[in-house]
PDB file of N, CA and C in Angstrom:
ATOM      1  N   MET A   1     166.281   7.553 118.282  1.00  0.00           N
ATOM      2  CA  MET A   1     166.935   6.270 118.387  1.00  0.00           C
ATOM      3  C   MET A   1     167.634   5.984 117.071  1.00  0.00           C
ATOM      4  N   GLY A   2     168.772   5.402 117.182  1.00  0.00           N
ATOM      5  CA  GLY A   2     169.518   5.091 115.983  1.00  0.00           C
ATOM      6  C   GLY A   2     169.818   3.614 115.884  1.00  0.00           C
ATOM      7  N   ARG A   3     170.546   3.271 114.873  1.00  0.00           N
ATOM      8  CA  ARG A   3     170.861   1.867 114.644  1.00  0.00           C
ATOM      9  C   ARG A   3     171.688   1.263 115.765  1.00  0.00           C
ATOM     10  N   LYS A   4     172.524   2.050 116.402  1.00  0.00           N
ATOM     11  CA  LYS A   4     173.370   1.513 117.464  1.00  0.00           C
ATOM     12  C   LYS A   4     172.583   1.175 118.724  1.00  0.00           C
ATOM     13  N   ALA A   5     171.381   1.715 118.872  1.00  0.00           N
ATOM     14  CA  ALA A   5     170.566   1.417 120.050  1.00  0.00           C
ATOM     15  C   ALA A   5     170.255  -0.075 120.136  1.00  0.00           C
ATOM     16  N   TRP A   6     170.177  -0.744 118.992  1.00  0.00           N
ATOM     17  CA  TRP A   6     169.849  -2.174 118.995  1.00  0.00           C
ATOM     18  C   TRP A   6     170.980  -3.002 119.591  1.00  0.00           C
ATOM     19  N   LEU A   7     172.173  -2.470 119.641  1.00  0.00           N
ATOM     20  CA  LEU A   7     173.299  -3.210 120.200  1.00  0.00           C
ATOM     21  C   LEU A   7     173.187  -3.379 121.709  1.00  0.00           C
ATOM     22  N   PHE A   8     172.328  -2.604 122.345  1.00  0.00           N
ATOM     23  CA  PHE A   8     172.290  -2.591 123.793  1.00  0.00           C
ATOM     24  C   PHE A   8     171.069  -3.277 124.385  1.00  0.00           C
ATOM     25  N   ALA A   9     170.361  -4.054 123.624  1.00  0.00           N
ATOM     26  CA  ALA A   9     169.247  -4.830 124.167  1.00  0.00           C
ATOM     27  C   ALA A   9     169.832  -6.045 124.881  1.00  0.00           C
ATOM     28  N   ASP A  10     169.475  -6.199 126.152  1.00  0.00           N
ATOM     29  CA  ASP A  10     170.031  -7.300 126.943  1.00  0.00           C
ATOM     30  C   ASP A  10     169.346  -8.632 126.672  1.00  0.00           C
ATOM     31  N   THR A  11     168.103  -8.583 126.242  1.00  0.00           N
ATOM     32  CA  THR A  11     167.359  -9.814 125.993  1.00  0.00           C
ATOM     33  C   THR A  11     166.618  -9.716 124.660  1.00  0.00           C
ATOM     34  N   LYS A  12     166.188 -10.862 124.187  1.00  0.00           N
ATOM     35  CA  LYS A  12     165.398 -10.886 122.953  1.00  0.00           C
ATOM     36  C   LYS A  12     164.077 -10.147 123.161  1.00  0.00           C
ATOM     37  N   LYS A  13     163.484 -10.322 124.338  1.00  0.00           N
ATOM     38  CA  LYS A  13     162.225  -9.638 124.648  1.00  0.00           C
ATOM     39  C   LYS A  13     162.423  -8.122 124.678  1.00  0.00           C
ATOM     40  N   GLY A  14     163.553  -7.687 125.222  1.00  0.00           N
ATOM     41  CA  GLY A  14     163.862  -6.257 125.249  1.00  0.00           C
ATOM     42  C   GLY A  14     164.054  -5.698 123.849  1.00  0.00           C
ATOM     43  N   ALA A  15     164.721  -6.461 122.998  1.00  0.00           N
ATOM     44  CA  ALA A  15     164.930  -6.032 121.614  1.00  0.00           C
ATOM     45  C   ALA A  15     163.597  -5.959 120.865  1.00  0.00           C
ATOM     46  N   THR A  16     162.721  -6.924 121.117  1.00  0.00           N
ATOM     47  CA  THR A  16     161.402  -6.917 120.487  1.00  0.00           C
ATOM     48  C   THR A  16     160.595  -5.705 120.937  1.00  0.00           C
ATOM     49  N   SER A  17     160.640  -5.416 122.230  1.00  0.00           N
ATOM     50  CA  SER A  17     159.919  -4.250 122.758  1.00  0.00           C
ATOM     51  C   SER A  17     160.448  -2.961 122.149  1.00  0.00           C
ATOM     52  N   SER A  18     161.758  -2.851 122.033  1.00  0.00           N
ATOM     53  CA  SER A  18     162.363  -1.659 121.427  1.00  0.00           C
ATOM     54  C   SER A  18     161.934  -1.514 119.969  1.00  0.00           C
ATOM     55  N   ALA A  19     161.878  -2.625 119.263  1.00  0.00           N
ATOM     56  CA  ALA A  19     161.472  -2.587 117.855  1.00  0.00           C
ATOM     57  C   ALA A  19     160.019  -2.141 117.712  1.00  0.00           C
ATOM     58  N   ILE A  20     159.164  -2.572 118.629  1.00  0.00           N
ATOM     59  CA  ILE A  20     157.754  -2.169 118.587  1.00  0.00           C
ATOM     60  C   ILE A  20     157.627  -0.666 118.802  1.00  0.00           C
ATOM     61  N   VAL A  21     158.321  -0.154 119.813  1.00  0.00           N
ATOM     62  CA  VAL A  21     158.274   1.281 120.099  1.00  0.00           C
ATOM     63  C   VAL A  21     158.826   2.071 118.915  1.00  0.00           C
ATOM     64  N   TYR A  22     159.939   1.629 118.360  1.00  0.00           N
ATOM     65  CA  TYR A  22     160.542   2.302 117.212  1.00  0.00           C
ATOM     66  C   TYR A  22     159.571   2.320 116.030  1.00  0.00           C
ATOM     67  N   SER A  23     158.877   1.209 115.818  1.00  0.00           N
ATOM     68  CA  SER A  23     157.915   1.125 114.725  1.00  0.00           C
ATOM     69  C   SER A  23     156.756   2.103 114.922  1.00  0.00           C
ATOM     70  N   ILE A  24     156.251   2.197 116.148  1.00  0.00           N
ATOM     71  CA  ILE A  24     155.154   3.130 116.439  1.00  0.00           C
ATOM     72  C   ILE A  24     155.602   4.564 116.203  1.00  0.00           C
ATOM     73  N   VAL A  25     156.788   4.904 116.687  1.00  0.00           N
ATOM     74  CA  VAL A  25     157.317   6.266 116.530  1.00  0.00           C
ATOM     75  C   VAL A  25     157.507   6.603 115.056  1.00  0.00           C
ATOM     76  N   GLU A  26     158.101   5.714 114.309  1.00  0.00           N
ATOM     77  CA  GLU A  26     158.360   5.981 112.894  1.00  0.00           C
ATOM     78  C   GLU A  26     157.066   6.045 112.078  1.00  0.00           C
ATOM     79  N   THR A  27     156.074   5.234 112.440  1.00  0.00           N
ATOM     80  CA  THR A  27     154.792   5.291 111.743  1.00  0.00           C
ATOM     81  C   THR A  27     154.084   6.606 112.036  1.00  0.00           C
ATOM     82  N   ALA A  28     154.189   7.076 113.270  1.00  0.00           N
ATOM     83  CA  ALA A  28     153.612   8.383 113.611  1.00  0.00           C
ATOM     84  C   ALA A  28     154.292   9.487 112.806  1.00  0.00           C
ATOM     85  N   LYS A  29     155.611   9.429 112.700  1.00  0.00           N
ATOM     86  CA  LYS A  29     156.346  10.423 111.904  1.00  0.00           C
ATOM     87  C   LYS A  29     155.917  10.370 110.438  1.00  0.00           C
ATOM     88  N   ALA A  30     155.763   9.161 109.905  1.00  0.00           N
ATOM     89  CA  ALA A  30     155.379   8.999 108.498  1.00  0.00           C
ATOM     90  C   ALA A  30     153.984   9.558 108.223  1.00  0.00           C
ATOM     91  N   ASN A  31     153.168   9.655 109.272  1.00  0.00           N
ATOM     92  CA  ASN A  31     151.819  10.208 109.136  1.00  0.00           C
ATOM     93  C   ASN A  31     151.752  11.655 109.593  1.00  0.00           C
ATOM     94  N   ASN A  32     152.926  12.301 109.637  1.00  0.00           N
ATOM     95  CA  ASN A  32     153.051  13.728 109.974  1.00  0.00           C
ATOM     96  C   ASN A  32     152.445  14.105 111.329  1.00  0.00           C
ATOM     97  N   LEU A  33     152.596  13.214 112.310  1.00  0.00           N
ATOM     98  CA  LEU A  33     152.108  13.491 113.654  1.00  0.00           C
ATOM     99  C   LEU A  33     153.246  13.992 114.530  1.00  0.00           C
ATOM    100  N   ASN A  34     152.910  14.800 115.510  1.00  0.00           N
ATOM    101  CA  ASN A  34     153.858  15.164 116.551  1.00  0.00           C
ATOM    102  C   ASN A  34     153.953  13.930 117.447  1.00  0.00           C
ATOM    103  N   VAL A  35     155.110  13.288 117.475  1.00  0.00           N
ATOM    104  CA  VAL A  35     155.260  12.002 118.159  1.00  0.00           C
ATOM    105  C   VAL A  35     154.927  12.113 119.643  1.00  0.00           C
ATOM    106  N   TYR A  36     155.410  13.150 120.298  1.00  0.00           N
ATOM    107  CA  TYR A  36     155.139  13.309 121.728  1.00  0.00           C
ATOM    108  C   TYR A  36     153.637  13.439 121.987  1.00  0.00           C
ATOM    109  N   LYS A  37     152.966  14.274 121.213  1.00  0.00           N
ATOM    110  CA  LYS A  37     151.523  14.462 121.395  1.00  0.00           C
ATOM    111  C   LYS A  37     150.753  13.182 121.076  1.00  0.00           C
ATOM    112  N   TYR A  38     151.195  12.465 120.050  1.00  0.00           N
ATOM    113  CA  TYR A  38     150.534  11.216 119.681  1.00  0.00           C
ATOM    114  C   TYR A  38     150.661  10.188 120.801  1.00  0.00           C
ATOM    115  N   LEU A  39     151.877   9.996 121.301  1.00  0.00           N
ATOM    116  CA  LEU A  39     152.080   9.016 122.369  1.00  0.00           C
ATOM    117  C   LEU A  39     151.329   9.415 123.633  1.00  0.00           C
ATOM    118  N   THR A  40     151.341  10.699 123.960  1.00  0.00           N
ATOM    119  CA  THR A  40     150.597  11.176 125.125  1.00  0.00           C
ATOM    120  C   THR A  40     149.109  10.880 124.961  1.00  0.00           C
ATOM    121  N   HIS A  41     148.594  11.112 123.773  1.00  0.00           N
ATOM    122  CA  HIS A  41     147.174  10.859 123.496  1.00  0.00           C
ATOM    123  C   HIS A  41     146.835   9.377 123.651  1.00  0.00           C
ATOM    124  N   ILE A  42     147.583   8.512 122.992  1.00  0.00           N
ATOM    125  CA  ILE A  42     147.215   7.091 123.047  1.00  0.00           C
ATOM    126  C   ILE A  42     147.429   6.508 124.443  1.00  0.00           C
ATOM    127  N   PHE A  43     148.471   6.956 125.148  1.00  0.00           N
ATOM    128  CA  PHE A  43     148.701   6.431 126.493  1.00  0.00           C
ATOM    129  C   PHE A  43     147.666   6.939 127.488  1.00  0.00           C
ATOM    130  N   SER A  44     147.047   8.063 127.212  1.00  0.00           N
ATOM    131  CA  SER A  44     145.991   8.550 128.107  1.00  0.00           C
ATOM    132  C   SER A  44     144.652   7.876 127.796  1.00  0.00           C
ATOM    133  N   LYS A  45     144.433   7.492 126.546  1.00  0.00           N
ATOM    134  CA  LYS A  45     143.165   6.871 126.146  1.00  0.00           C
ATOM    135  C   LYS A  45     143.131   5.355 126.377  1.00  0.00           C
ATOM    136  N   MET A  46     144.236   4.678 126.159  1.00  0.00           N
ATOM    137  CA  MET A  46     144.252   3.219 126.176  1.00  0.00           C
ATOM    138  C   MET A  46     143.850   2.583 127.508  1.00  0.00           C
ATOM    139  N   PRO A  47     144.256   3.115 128.658  1.00  0.00           N
ATOM    140  CA  PRO A  47     143.895   2.438 129.914  1.00  0.00           C
ATOM    141  C   PRO A  47     142.384   2.311 130.143  1.00  0.00           C
ATOM    142  N   GLY A  48     141.593   3.214 129.631  1.00  0.00           N
ATOM    143  CA  GLY A  48     140.152   3.164 129.841  1.00  0.00           C
ATOM    144  C   GLY A  48     139.382   2.428 128.757  1.00  0.00           C
ATOM    145  N   MET A  49     140.082   1.854 127.793  1.00  0.00           N
ATOM    146  CA  MET A  49     139.403   1.196 126.676  1.00  0.00           C
ATOM    147  C   MET A  49     139.389  -0.320 126.873  1.00  0.00           C
ATOM    148  N   ASP A  50     138.289  -0.944 126.476  1.00  0.00           N
ATOM    149  CA  ASP A  50     138.127  -2.390 126.617  1.00  0.00           C
ATOM    150  C   ASP A  50     138.424  -3.068 125.276  1.00  0.00           C
ATOM    151  N   PHE A  51     139.716  -3.219 124.985  1.00  0.00           N
ATOM    152  CA  PHE A  51     140.132  -3.823 123.713  1.00  0.00           C
ATOM    153  C   PHE A  51     139.791  -5.304 123.633  1.00  0.00           C
ATOM    154  N   LYS A  52     139.773  -5.953 124.789  1.00  0.00           N
ATOM    155  CA  LYS A  52     139.516  -7.391 124.795  1.00  0.00           C
ATOM    156  C   LYS A  52     138.124  -7.703 124.235  1.00  0.00           C
ATOM    157  N   ASN A  53     137.141  -6.928 124.637  1.00  0.00           N
ATOM    158  CA  ASN A  53     135.770  -7.164 124.177  1.00  0.00           C
ATOM    159  C   ASN A  53     135.402  -6.371 122.929  1.00  0.00           C
ATOM    160  N   ASN A  54     136.197  -5.361 122.608  1.00  0.00           N
ATOM    161  CA  ASN A  54     135.905  -4.529 121.438  1.00  0.00           C
ATOM    162  C   ASN A  54     137.217  -4.096 120.770  1.00  0.00           C
ATOM    163  N   PRO A  55     137.896  -5.027 120.085  1.00  0.00           N
ATOM    164  CA  PRO A  55     139.197  -4.712 119.486  1.00  0.00           C
ATOM    165  C   PRO A  55     139.156  -3.606 118.437  1.00  0.00           C
ATOM    166  N   SER A  56     137.987  -3.327 117.881  1.00  0.00           N
ATOM    167  CA  SER A  56     137.898  -2.278 116.860  1.00  0.00           C
ATOM    168  C   SER A  56     138.171  -0.888 117.438  1.00  0.00           C
ATOM    169  N   LEU A  57     138.117  -0.736 118.774  1.00  0.00           N
ATOM    170  CA  LEU A  57     138.436   0.545 119.403  1.00  0.00           C
ATOM    171  C   LEU A  57     139.865   0.981 119.093  1.00  0.00           C
ATOM    172  N   LEU A  58     140.723   0.015 118.893  1.00  0.00           N
ATOM    173  CA  LEU A  58     142.129   0.304 118.618  1.00  0.00           C
ATOM    174  C   LEU A  58     142.308   1.060 117.307  1.00  0.00           C
ATOM    175  N   GLU A  59     141.424   0.852 116.363  1.00  0.00           N
ATOM    176  CA  GLU A  59     141.537   1.502 115.052  1.00  0.00           C
ATOM    177  C   GLU A  59     141.545   3.028 115.157  1.00  0.00           C
ATOM    178  N   ASP A  60     140.832   3.564 116.140  1.00  0.00           N
ATOM    179  CA  ASP A  60     140.776   5.021 116.314  1.00  0.00           C
ATOM    180  C   ASP A  60     142.090   5.602 116.813  1.00  0.00           C
ATOM    181  N   LEU A  61     142.976   4.755 117.334  1.00  0.00           N
ATOM    182  CA  LEU A  61     144.250   5.222 117.878  1.00  0.00           C
ATOM    183  C   LEU A  61     145.424   5.006 116.929  1.00  0.00           C
ATOM    184  N   LEU A  62     145.184   4.377 115.800  1.00  0.00           N
ATOM    185  CA  LEU A  62     146.266   4.135 114.847  1.00  0.00           C
ATOM    186  C   LEU A  62     146.721   5.455 114.228  1.00  0.00           C
ATOM    187  N   PRO A  63     148.001   5.562 113.893  1.00  0.00           N
ATOM    188  CA  PRO A  63     148.549   6.836 113.407  1.00  0.00           C
ATOM    189  C   PRO A  63     147.878   7.395 112.156  1.00  0.00           C
ATOM    190  N   TRP A  64     147.220   6.578 111.386  1.00  0.00           N
ATOM    191  CA  TRP A  64     146.578   7.059 110.156  1.00  0.00           C
ATOM    192  C   TRP A  64     145.073   7.292 110.337  1.00  0.00           C
ATOM    193  N   SER A  65     144.587   7.167 111.572  1.00  0.00           N
ATOM    194  CA  SER A  65     143.165   7.363 111.834  1.00  0.00           C
ATOM    195  C   SER A  65     142.757   8.823 111.649  1.00  0.00           C
ATOM    196  N   ALA A  66     141.634   9.030 110.991  1.00  0.00           N
ATOM    197  CA  ALA A  66     141.099  10.386 110.812  1.00  0.00           C
ATOM    198  C   ALA A  66     140.475  10.911 112.101  1.00  0.00           C
ATOM    199  N   LYS A  67     140.296  10.045 113.091  1.00  0.00           N
ATOM    200  CA  LYS A  67     139.666  10.433 114.352  1.00  0.00           C
ATOM    201  C   LYS A  67     140.653  10.968 115.388  1.00  0.00           C
ATOM    202  N   LEU A  68     141.926  11.008 115.045  1.00  0.00           N
ATOM    203  CA  LEU A  68     142.912  11.555 115.988  1.00  0.00           C
ATOM    204  C   LEU A  68     142.742  13.068 116.090  1.00  0.00           C
ATOM    205  N   PRO A  69     142.982  13.613 117.295  1.00  0.00           N
ATOM    206  CA  PRO A  69     142.844  15.079 117.430  1.00  0.00           C
ATOM    207  C   PRO A  69     143.932  15.831 116.685  1.00  0.00           C
TER     208      PRO A  69
END
């Protein structure tokens, strides 16, 4: 994604969502992760996790976590 991608957000909510995804991708890159493998990992783990009752579970999925495979 490049800077021109921001020109095509139709709504403020869409632009915010794009910025969140871009931030996750860039943070994964900054932590020397394979972005595709990282996203595949977190998207496969997140649906089965109870973040509402145990928000600390999210820490294991952050790009700088030592618990990532």
